[in-house]
Amino acid sequence: MKSLYTILALTLGIATPAVSDDDAFYVSSGGDDYTISVNASGFVLTSRYPKARFVEQGTNSYVVRGIETFYFGTSCDASHEVFGTGKWSWANGGFRAEFEDGFILGFPRQELPEGHGSICRM
């Protein structure tokens, strides 16, 4: 017997993505999906889907749209095109970055790959 979700998806024509167990992704506290890669400089988190971010600058405000990338460095620094620079940290409850403009990007109950989280322990 097919599950109710499968029947509804087929009936409504909803496309469901095929994700294998090998596709690692992280979900932010805001509900967005990110992939992560490790390099000599630290971690690179890239959104799986386009985002829209509003940049407040009074009458010169604008919107940045597209795939976004967060950089978490080995010296506990963080950076992003819109939010600028900040610091990131890890604890038993997950990891997160705090940017100078006050934006916080959290990944609750998730671990960084290869045990590198202790670099910037809270």
Protein backbone atom coordinates (compact mmCIF):
# COMPACT_ATOMS: atom_id res chain seq x y z
CA MET A 1 0.00 0.00 0.00
CA LYS A 2 1.38 3.41 -0.96
CA SER A 3 1.76 6.01 1.74
CA LEU A 4 -0.71 8.87 1.86
CA TYR A 5 2.13 11.32 1.10
CA THR A 6 3.06 9.41 -2.09
CA ILE A 7 -0.56 9.29 -3.22
CA LEU A 8 -0.99 13.03 -2.59
CA ALA A 9 2.28 13.85 -4.34
CA LEU A 10 1.28 11.82 -7.39
CA THR A 11 -2.26 13.20 -7.38
CA LEU A 12 -1.18 16.83 -7.03
CA GLY A 13 1.83 16.50 -9.32
CA ILE A 14 4.28 17.54 -6.60
CA ALA A 15 7.89 16.89 -7.46
CA THR A 16 9.83 15.36 -4.60
CA PRO A 17 13.62 15.57 -4.75
CA ALA A 18 15.66 12.41 -4.77
CA VAL A 19 18.19 12.66 -1.96
CA SER A 20 20.55 9.81 -1.20
CA ASP A 21 21.99 9.08 2.23
CA ASP A 22 25.33 10.36 0.91
CA ASP A 23 23.97 13.89 0.28
CA ALA A 24 25.02 15.74 3.43
CA PHE A 25 23.22 18.96 4.19
CA TYR A 26 22.67 21.23 7.15
CA VAL A 27 19.45 22.98 8.15
CA SER A 28 19.70 26.41 9.71
CA SER A 29 17.49 27.59 12.57
CA GLY A 30 15.69 29.63 9.88
CA GLY A 31 14.81 26.43 7.99
CA ASP A 32 17.24 26.84 5.06
CA ASP A 33 19.32 23.98 3.61
CA TYR A 34 23.09 24.34 3.20
CA THR A 35 25.84 22.07 1.95
CA ILE A 36 29.22 22.26 3.64
CA SER A 37 32.76 21.78 2.43
CA VAL A 38 36.06 21.86 4.28
CA ASN A 39 39.25 23.49 3.02
CA ALA A 40 42.52 24.70 4.54
CA SER A 41 40.87 28.00 5.55
CA GLY A 42 37.87 26.44 7.32
CA PHE A 43 34.29 25.69 6.29
CA VAL A 44 32.18 26.92 3.38
CA LEU A 45 28.39 26.70 3.78
CA THR A 46 26.48 27.14 0.51
CA SER A 47 22.70 27.39 0.30
CA ARG A 48 21.06 24.61 -1.72
CA TYR A 49 18.38 27.01 -2.95
CA PRO A 50 18.41 30.72 -3.84
CA LYS A 51 17.84 33.20 -1.02
CA ALA A 52 16.69 36.81 -0.99
CA ARG A 53 18.26 39.17 1.56
CA PHE A 54 17.14 42.75 2.12
CA VAL A 55 19.95 45.25 2.61
CA GLU A 56 18.71 48.26 4.59
CA GLN A 57 20.35 51.52 3.49
CA GLY A 58 17.51 54.04 3.76
CA THR A 59 16.52 55.30 0.32
CA ASN A 60 19.32 53.20 -1.20
CA SER A 61 18.02 49.87 0.18
CA TYR A 62 18.17 46.88 -2.14
CA VAL A 63 17.68 43.11 -2.35
CA VAL A 64 20.42 40.55 -2.98
CA ARG A 65 19.12 37.31 -4.55
CA GLY A 66 20.82 34.04 -5.36
CA ILE A 67 22.76 31.16 -3.89
CA GLU A 68 24.50 32.45 -0.78
CA THR A 69 27.76 31.43 0.82
CA PHE A 70 28.92 31.72 4.43
CA TYR A 71 32.59 31.31 5.31
CA PHE A 72 33.62 30.01 8.74
CA GLY A 73 37.40 30.36 9.13
CA THR A 74 39.88 28.39 11.22
CA SER A 75 40.49 31.49 13.37
CA CYS A 76 36.77 31.53 14.32
CA ASP A 77 36.01 34.35 11.88
CA ALA A 78 32.88 34.37 9.72
CA SER A 79 31.96 36.31 6.60
CA HIS A 80 29.06 36.78 4.20
CA GLU A 81 28.37 39.07 1.25
CA VAL A 82 25.45 40.88 2.93
CA PHE A 83 26.10 40.46 6.67
CA GLY A 84 29.82 41.26 6.53
CA THR A 85 32.15 39.81 9.13
CA GLY A 86 31.62 38.17 12.49
CA LYS A 87 32.61 35.20 14.63
CA TRP A 88 31.44 31.60 14.68
CA SER A 89 31.51 29.05 17.47
CA TRP A 90 30.64 25.44 18.26
CA ALA A 91 29.11 23.84 21.35
CA ASN A 92 27.42 20.55 22.19
CA GLY A 93 24.14 22.13 21.07
CA GLY A 94 25.33 22.85 17.51
CA PHE A 95 27.22 25.69 15.87
CA ARG A 96 26.42 29.28 14.90
CA ALA A 97 27.80 32.55 13.60
CA GLU A 98 27.11 36.05 14.93
CA PHE A 99 27.71 38.93 12.53
CA GLU A 100 28.58 42.53 13.40
CA ASP A 101 25.19 43.77 12.17
CA GLY A 102 23.43 41.47 14.68
CA PHE A 103 22.42 38.68 12.28
CA ILE A 104 22.78 35.17 13.76
CA LEU A 105 22.93 32.00 11.68
CA GLY A 106 22.49 28.88 13.81
CA PHE A 107 22.63 25.16 13.13
CA PRO A 108 21.11 23.56 16.24
CA ARG A 109 21.87 19.92 17.10
CA GLN A 110 24.21 19.50 14.12
CA GLU A 111 27.91 18.66 14.03
CA LEU A 112 30.63 19.98 11.76
CA PRO A 113 32.39 17.41 9.55
CA GLU A 114 35.65 15.75 10.49
CA GLY A 115 35.46 16.78 14.16
CA HIS A 116 36.72 20.32 13.50
CA GLY A 117 34.11 21.94 15.74
CA SER A 118 36.38 22.11 18.76
CA ILE A 119 38.50 24.72 16.96
CA CYS A 120 36.08 27.46 17.99
CA ARG A 121 34.41 26.01 21.05
CA MET A 122 31.98 28.28 22.97
